[in-house]
Amino acid sequence: MLAIFNVVFPIFALIFLGYLCRKRNILSVNAASELNRFVIYLGLPALLFDSIARLTPADFSNLRFIAVFAIGIAAVFLLTVWIKYRQGAAAADIIIDSLGTSYANVGFIGIPLCLLAFGRDGMPPAVIAMVMTACLLFAIAIVLLEICLHAEKHIGRSLLKTGNSLIRNPILIAPILGGLVASSGYVLPTGVQQLFKLLGAAASPCALVSLGLFLAQPIQNKESGSVSLLVSFKLLLHPAITAVFAYWILPLPKLWADTALLLSAMPIGTGPFMLAELYQREAALMSRAILISTTTSLVTISLILAWIAH
């Protein structure tokens, strides 16, 4: 547990710094939105482009792992959609909450933990999981949100508005451009690579500080039930479904199955919070769900690591 705490400590520290800056009025209420927009339009696209441009076809050779990890994500996402729909939630809130229950913090916590638990052998599945979460799942959520926002009676007009929004979205364009670079075998100049590294390195810290700023805002008591649903689905249901498929239904090699289970047990990443703030939904609610899931994961991840070792 101490090793896990050392991995997640920077997350707590950055969130606390954002919280403290807001409480001391060092950063204004607008700072959270501005930091978040920096992440959405500069930091995260650079990180996604740089990560995908370095991939090779061999990184995606294990199709069964991709299927197992995708099934775990899809099952939790769709179940959350069904529950929130039955509760009468708005379409945009349904999408963001469903993203929250299925969006694992692979990049900031999962990759360091895989390196700690499995060594370099754990890196290929961790990279695949990061791309599936930060690129594919995130892109699907954005597409669904844009469809909801531009839904009109005239289907042609709706499709045109949605398409215009999507082709201008850097989070969707960056992975595509990165994939083109990777498939072409072209090596970017050193200066360009350094630019993307610098921008990408700023994405996670800025997102976490922005999250801390939102934590300084009050939350209504009626939203506590939603936080419990998000946290329990992410930390318990998601890894349980993944484990059933990884070990029994579509059995993977031991290392890949263990990695799939561990990565699916990661707490909620910052992606759902960034979209909640960008689309003016319940960002304060999502920020609390992320903090609680990250704190609680100290226990759940320790138990999973003990079970894997046993």
Protein backbone atom coordinates (compact mmCIF):
# COMPACT_ATOMS: atom_id res chain seq x y z
CA MET A 1 0.00 0.00 0.00
CA LEU A 2 2.91 2.36 0.69
CA ALA A 3 4.24 1.78 -2.82
CA ILE A 4 0.79 2.54 -4.26
CA PHE A 5 0.54 5.67 -2.12
CA ASN A 6 3.88 6.86 -3.48
CA VAL A 7 2.45 6.51 -7.00
CA VAL A 8 -0.78 8.40 -6.28
CA PHE A 9 0.73 11.00 -3.91
CA PRO A 10 1.48 13.49 -6.73
CA ILE A 11 -2.21 13.29 -7.67
CA PHE A 12 -3.33 14.18 -4.15
CA ALA A 13 -0.70 16.92 -3.93
CA LEU A 14 -1.73 18.60 -7.20
CA ILE A 15 -5.43 18.42 -6.31
CA PHE A 16 -4.69 19.90 -2.87
CA LEU A 17 -2.64 22.71 -4.40
CA GLY A 18 -5.56 23.64 -6.64
CA TYR A 19 -7.95 23.47 -3.67
CA LEU A 20 -5.63 25.63 -1.55
CA CYS A 21 -5.13 28.22 -4.30
CA ARG A 22 -8.89 28.66 -4.63
CA LYS A 23 -9.53 28.83 -0.88
CA ARG A 24 -6.76 31.41 -0.47
CA ASN A 25 -8.04 33.26 -3.55
CA ILE A 26 -4.67 32.92 -5.25
CA LEU A 27 -6.53 31.67 -8.35
CA SER A 28 -9.98 32.98 -9.24
CA VAL A 29 -13.11 31.00 -10.08
CA ASN A 30 -12.28 31.43 -13.77
CA ALA A 31 -8.86 29.81 -13.38
CA ALA A 32 -10.33 26.29 -13.36
CA SER A 33 -12.05 26.82 -16.71
CA GLU A 34 -8.97 28.38 -18.28
CA LEU A 35 -6.69 25.58 -17.09
CA ASN A 36 -9.17 23.03 -18.35
CA ARG A 37 -9.35 24.67 -21.76
CA PHE A 38 -5.56 24.61 -21.97
CA VAL A 39 -5.64 20.85 -21.33
CA ILE A 40 -8.44 20.23 -23.85
CA TYR A 41 -7.02 22.32 -26.69
CA LEU A 42 -3.24 22.06 -26.18
CA GLY A 43 -1.96 19.68 -23.50
CA LEU A 44 -4.06 16.56 -24.06
CA PRO A 45 -3.95 16.67 -27.90
CA ALA A 46 -0.15 16.97 -27.74
CA LEU A 47 0.04 14.04 -25.31
CA LEU A 48 -2.21 11.85 -27.48
CA PHE A 49 -0.37 12.73 -30.68
CA ASP A 50 3.05 12.05 -29.14
CA SER A 51 1.93 8.75 -27.57
CA ILE A 52 0.33 7.34 -30.72
CA ALA A 53 3.06 8.56 -33.09
CA ARG A 54 5.50 6.31 -31.21
CA LEU A 55 3.42 3.12 -31.48
CA THR A 56 4.21 0.18 -33.74
CA PRO A 57 1.86 -2.55 -35.10
CA ALA A 58 3.42 -4.98 -32.60
CA ASP A 59 1.96 -2.93 -29.75
CA PHE A 60 -1.53 -4.06 -30.82
CA SER A 61 -0.77 -7.68 -31.64
CA ASN A 62 -2.79 -9.13 -28.74
CA LEU A 63 -6.33 -8.78 -30.07
CA ARG A 64 -7.81 -10.90 -27.27
CA PHE A 65 -6.52 -8.45 -24.66
CA ILE A 66 -8.08 -5.59 -26.62
CA ALA A 67 -11.40 -7.47 -26.74
CA VAL A 68 -11.37 -8.25 -23.01
CA PHE A 69 -10.49 -4.69 -21.97
CA ALA A 70 -13.06 -3.24 -24.40
CA ILE A 71 -15.82 -5.55 -23.11
CA GLY A 72 -15.18 -4.44 -19.53
CA ILE A 73 -15.40 -0.78 -20.56
CA ALA A 74 -18.51 -1.27 -22.71
CA ALA A 75 -20.38 -3.33 -20.11
CA VAL A 76 -19.94 -0.77 -17.34
CA PHE A 77 -20.63 2.15 -19.69
CA LEU A 78 -23.88 0.67 -21.00
CA LEU A 79 -25.09 -0.41 -17.56
CA THR A 80 -24.55 3.12 -16.26
CA VAL A 81 -26.43 4.51 -19.27
CA TRP A 82 -29.38 2.24 -18.48
CA ILE A 83 -29.45 3.15 -14.76
CA LYS A 84 -29.14 6.90 -15.30
CA TYR A 85 -31.76 6.78 -18.06
CA ARG A 86 -34.17 5.03 -15.69
CA GLN A 87 -33.48 7.79 -13.16
CA GLY A 88 -34.49 10.42 -15.72
CA ALA A 89 -31.08 12.12 -16.03
CA ALA A 90 -30.33 14.47 -18.93
CA ALA A 91 -28.66 12.89 -21.97
CA ALA A 92 -25.38 14.80 -21.55
CA ASP A 93 -25.18 13.88 -17.86
CA ILE A 94 -25.82 10.23 -18.71
CA ILE A 95 -22.88 10.21 -21.13
CA ILE A 96 -20.47 11.91 -18.72
CA ASP A 97 -21.47 9.70 -15.77
CA SER A 98 -21.10 6.59 -17.94
CA LEU A 99 -17.67 7.80 -19.01
CA GLY A 100 -16.79 8.23 -15.34
CA THR A 101 -17.59 4.61 -14.44
CA SER A 102 -15.54 3.24 -17.35
CA TYR A 103 -12.65 5.73 -17.71
CA ALA A 104 -9.67 4.31 -15.79
CA ASN A 105 -6.72 6.48 -14.83
CA VAL A 106 -4.31 4.33 -16.85
CA GLY A 107 -1.80 7.00 -17.82
CA PHE A 108 -1.14 8.64 -14.46
CA ILE A 109 -1.54 5.63 -12.12
CA GLY A 110 -1.92 2.47 -14.21
CA ILE A 111 1.37 2.62 -16.12
CA PRO A 112 3.54 3.31 -13.03
CA LEU A 113 1.78 0.50 -11.13
CA CYS A 114 2.21 -1.96 -14.01
CA LEU A 115 5.90 -1.09 -14.12
CA LEU A 116 6.08 -1.60 -10.35
CA ALA A 117 4.18 -4.92 -10.34
CA PHE A 118 5.24 -6.57 -13.62
CA GLY A 119 8.36 -4.72 -14.77
CA ARG A 120 8.88 -3.86 -18.44
CA ASP A 121 6.74 -6.85 -19.48
CA GLY A 122 3.69 -4.99 -18.23
CA MET A 123 4.21 -2.00 -20.52
CA PRO A 124 2.67 -3.29 -23.80
CA PRO A 125 -0.79 -3.99 -22.30
CA ALA A 126 -0.62 -0.75 -20.31
CA VAL A 127 0.06 1.27 -23.47
CA ILE A 128 -2.80 -0.45 -25.31
CA ALA A 129 -5.16 0.27 -22.40
CA MET A 130 -4.10 3.92 -22.29
CA VAL A 131 -4.79 4.38 -26.00
CA MET A 132 -8.16 2.64 -25.72
CA THR A 133 -9.17 4.80 -22.76
CA ALA A 134 -7.69 8.22 -23.51
CA CYS A 135 -8.29 8.08 -27.28
CA LEU A 136 -11.06 5.69 -28.27
CA LEU A 137 -13.37 5.91 -25.23
CA PHE A 138 -12.80 9.66 -24.87
CA ALA A 139 -13.53 10.20 -28.58
CA ILE A 140 -16.76 8.16 -28.40
CA ALA A 141 -17.94 10.26 -25.44
CA ILE A 142 -17.22 13.49 -27.32
CA VAL A 143 -19.09 12.27 -30.40
CA LEU A 144 -22.12 11.30 -28.28
CA LEU A 145 -22.08 14.64 -26.47
CA GLU A 146 -21.91 16.58 -29.73
CA ILE A 147 -24.81 14.55 -31.13
CA CYS A 148 -26.87 15.38 -28.03
CA LEU A 149 -26.01 19.08 -28.18
CA HIS A 150 -26.85 19.46 -31.87
CA ALA A 151 -29.89 17.21 -31.98
CA GLU A 152 -32.65 18.83 -34.04
CA LYS A 153 -35.75 17.67 -35.84
CA HIS A 154 -33.98 18.09 -39.17
CA ILE A 155 -31.53 15.20 -39.22
CA GLY A 156 -29.38 16.65 -42.03
CA ARG A 157 -28.82 19.88 -40.14
CA SER A 158 -28.00 17.93 -36.97
CA LEU A 159 -25.41 15.82 -38.77
CA LEU A 160 -23.84 18.91 -40.36
CA LYS A 161 -23.52 20.74 -37.03
CA THR A 162 -22.17 17.66 -35.29
CA GLY A 163 -19.66 17.02 -38.06
CA ASN A 164 -18.43 20.62 -38.02
CA SER A 165 -17.87 20.45 -34.26
CA LEU A 166 -16.05 17.12 -34.44
CA ILE A 167 -13.62 18.03 -37.21
CA ARG A 168 -12.57 21.11 -35.22
CA ASN A 169 -12.02 19.12 -32.02
CA PRO A 170 -8.26 18.74 -31.38
CA ILE A 171 -8.74 15.71 -29.12
CA LEU A 172 -10.19 13.79 -32.07
CA ILE A 173 -7.77 15.15 -34.68
CA ALA A 174 -4.54 14.58 -32.68
CA PRO A 175 -4.81 10.75 -32.41
CA ILE A 176 -5.62 10.50 -36.13
CA LEU A 177 -2.58 12.57 -37.07
CA GLY A 178 -0.44 10.58 -34.65
CA GLY A 179 -1.65 7.34 -36.24
CA LEU A 180 -0.74 8.64 -39.69
CA VAL A 181 2.77 9.50 -38.51
CA ALA A 182 3.18 6.09 -36.86
CA SER A 183 1.96 4.17 -39.92
CA SER A 184 4.17 6.18 -42.29
CA GLY A 185 7.34 5.49 -40.31
CA TYR A 186 8.27 9.18 -40.50
CA VAL A 187 10.40 10.46 -37.62
CA LEU A 188 9.53 13.98 -36.52
CA PRO A 189 12.35 16.53 -36.09
CA THR A 190 13.79 16.65 -32.57
CA GLY A 191 12.51 20.17 -31.95
CA VAL A 192 8.94 19.19 -32.88
CA GLN A 193 9.10 16.11 -30.67
CA GLN A 194 10.28 18.25 -27.75
CA LEU A 195 7.39 20.67 -28.29
CA PHE A 196 4.82 17.88 -28.03
CA LYS A 197 6.58 16.43 -24.98
CA LEU A 198 6.50 19.76 -23.16
CA LEU A 199 2.83 20.39 -23.93
CA GLY A 200 1.85 16.81 -23.16
CA ALA A 201 3.70 16.81 -19.84
CA ALA A 202 1.61 19.80 -18.71
CA ALA A 203 -1.73 18.09 -19.40
CA SER A 204 -2.10 15.96 -16.26
CA PRO A 205 -0.80 18.52 -13.71
CA CYS A 206 -3.06 21.28 -15.08
CA ALA A 207 -6.09 18.96 -15.14
CA LEU A 208 -5.50 17.93 -11.53
CA VAL A 209 -5.02 21.51 -10.32
CA SER A 210 -8.22 22.47 -12.14
CA LEU A 211 -9.97 19.57 -10.41
CA GLY A 212 -8.78 20.87 -7.04
CA LEU A 213 -10.20 24.30 -7.83
CA PHE A 214 -13.60 22.71 -8.41
CA LEU A 215 -13.36 20.77 -5.16
CA ALA A 216 -13.35 24.09 -3.34
CA GLN A 217 -16.90 24.70 -4.57
CA PRO A 218 -19.91 23.53 -2.50
CA ILE A 219 -21.90 20.48 -3.60
CA GLN A 220 -25.56 19.69 -2.97
CA ASN A 221 -26.39 16.72 -0.75
CA LYS A 222 -28.70 15.21 -3.35
CA GLU A 223 -25.69 14.45 -5.55
CA SER A 224 -24.02 12.10 -3.02
CA GLY A 225 -25.87 9.09 -4.43
CA SER A 226 -24.42 9.70 -7.87
CA VAL A 227 -20.90 9.85 -6.43
CA SER A 228 -21.43 6.47 -4.72
CA LEU A 229 -22.62 4.93 -7.98
CA LEU A 230 -19.64 6.26 -9.94
CA VAL A 231 -17.07 5.13 -7.37
CA SER A 232 -18.53 1.65 -6.74
CA PHE A 233 -18.98 0.89 -10.43
CA LYS A 234 -15.45 2.04 -11.27
CA LEU A 235 -13.58 0.34 -8.42
CA LEU A 236 -15.67 -2.83 -8.03
CA LEU A 237 -17.90 -3.61 -11.00
CA HIS A 238 -15.46 -2.68 -13.76
CA PRO A 239 -12.59 -4.91 -12.54
CA ALA A 240 -15.04 -7.72 -11.67
CA ILE A 241 -16.39 -7.85 -15.23
CA THR A 242 -12.91 -7.63 -16.71
CA ALA A 243 -11.66 -10.44 -14.45
CA VAL A 244 -14.49 -12.78 -15.51
CA PHE A 245 -13.57 -12.35 -19.17
CA ALA A 246 -9.78 -12.23 -18.69
CA TYR A 247 -9.54 -15.43 -16.61
CA TRP A 248 -12.51 -17.55 -17.66
CA ILE A 249 -14.57 -16.54 -20.70
CA LEU A 250 -11.72 -15.30 -22.95
CA PRO A 251 -8.72 -16.49 -20.94
CA LEU A 252 -5.53 -14.51 -21.48
CA PRO A 253 -1.94 -15.43 -20.64
CA LYS A 254 -1.31 -14.90 -16.93
CA LEU A 255 0.61 -11.62 -17.27
CA TRP A 256 -1.91 -10.10 -19.70
CA ALA A 257 -4.88 -11.21 -17.59
CA ASP A 258 -3.33 -9.78 -14.42
CA THR A 259 -2.56 -6.53 -16.21
CA ALA A 260 -6.10 -6.26 -17.60
CA LEU A 261 -7.54 -6.71 -14.11
CA LEU A 262 -5.17 -4.21 -12.50
CA LEU A 263 -5.71 -1.54 -15.16
CA SER A 264 -9.51 -1.87 -15.03
CA ALA A 265 -9.33 -1.33 -11.26
CA MET A 266 -7.73 2.11 -11.61
CA PRO A 267 -9.74 5.03 -10.17
CA ILE A 268 -11.61 7.51 -12.35
CA GLY A 269 -9.26 9.55 -14.54
CA THR A 270 -9.50 13.29 -15.18
CA GLY A 271 -11.14 12.86 -18.62
CA PRO A 272 -14.78 12.86 -17.41
CA PHE A 273 -14.12 15.92 -15.27
CA MET A 274 -12.59 17.81 -18.22
CA LEU A 275 -15.64 17.09 -20.38
CA ALA A 276 -18.05 17.94 -17.56
CA GLU A 277 -16.41 21.34 -17.16
CA LEU A 278 -16.08 21.98 -20.88
CA TYR A 279 -19.73 21.19 -21.59
CA GLN A 280 -20.95 22.95 -18.42
CA ARG A 281 -22.33 19.87 -16.69
CA GLU A 282 -21.79 18.70 -13.07
CA ALA A 283 -18.04 19.27 -12.88
CA ALA A 284 -18.01 19.66 -9.08
CA LEU A 285 -19.77 16.30 -8.71
CA MET A 286 -17.30 14.55 -10.99
CA SER A 287 -14.33 16.14 -9.22
CA ARG A 288 -15.48 14.64 -5.93
CA ALA A 289 -16.04 11.25 -7.51
CA ILE A 290 -12.47 11.31 -8.84
CA LEU A 291 -11.01 12.28 -5.46
CA ILE A 292 -13.00 9.63 -3.54
CA SER A 293 -12.25 6.89 -6.07
CA THR A 294 -8.54 7.74 -6.02
CA THR A 295 -8.45 7.65 -2.22
CA THR A 296 -10.46 4.43 -1.96
CA SER A 297 -8.36 2.75 -4.65
CA LEU A 298 -5.44 2.63 -2.21
CA VAL A 299 -7.30 -0.23 -0.54
CA THR A 300 -8.93 -1.91 -3.56
CA ILE A 301 -5.75 -1.91 -5.67
CA SER A 302 -3.74 -3.29 -2.75
CA LEU A 303 -6.23 -6.18 -2.41
CA ILE A 304 -6.10 -6.88 -6.14
CA LEU A 305 -2.29 -6.90 -6.15
CA ALA A 306 -2.33 -9.30 -3.19
CA TRP A 307 -4.80 -11.56 -5.01
CA ILE A 308 -2.65 -11.51 -8.17
CA ALA A 309 0.45 -12.40 -6.17
CA HIS A 310 -1.41 -15.24 -4.46
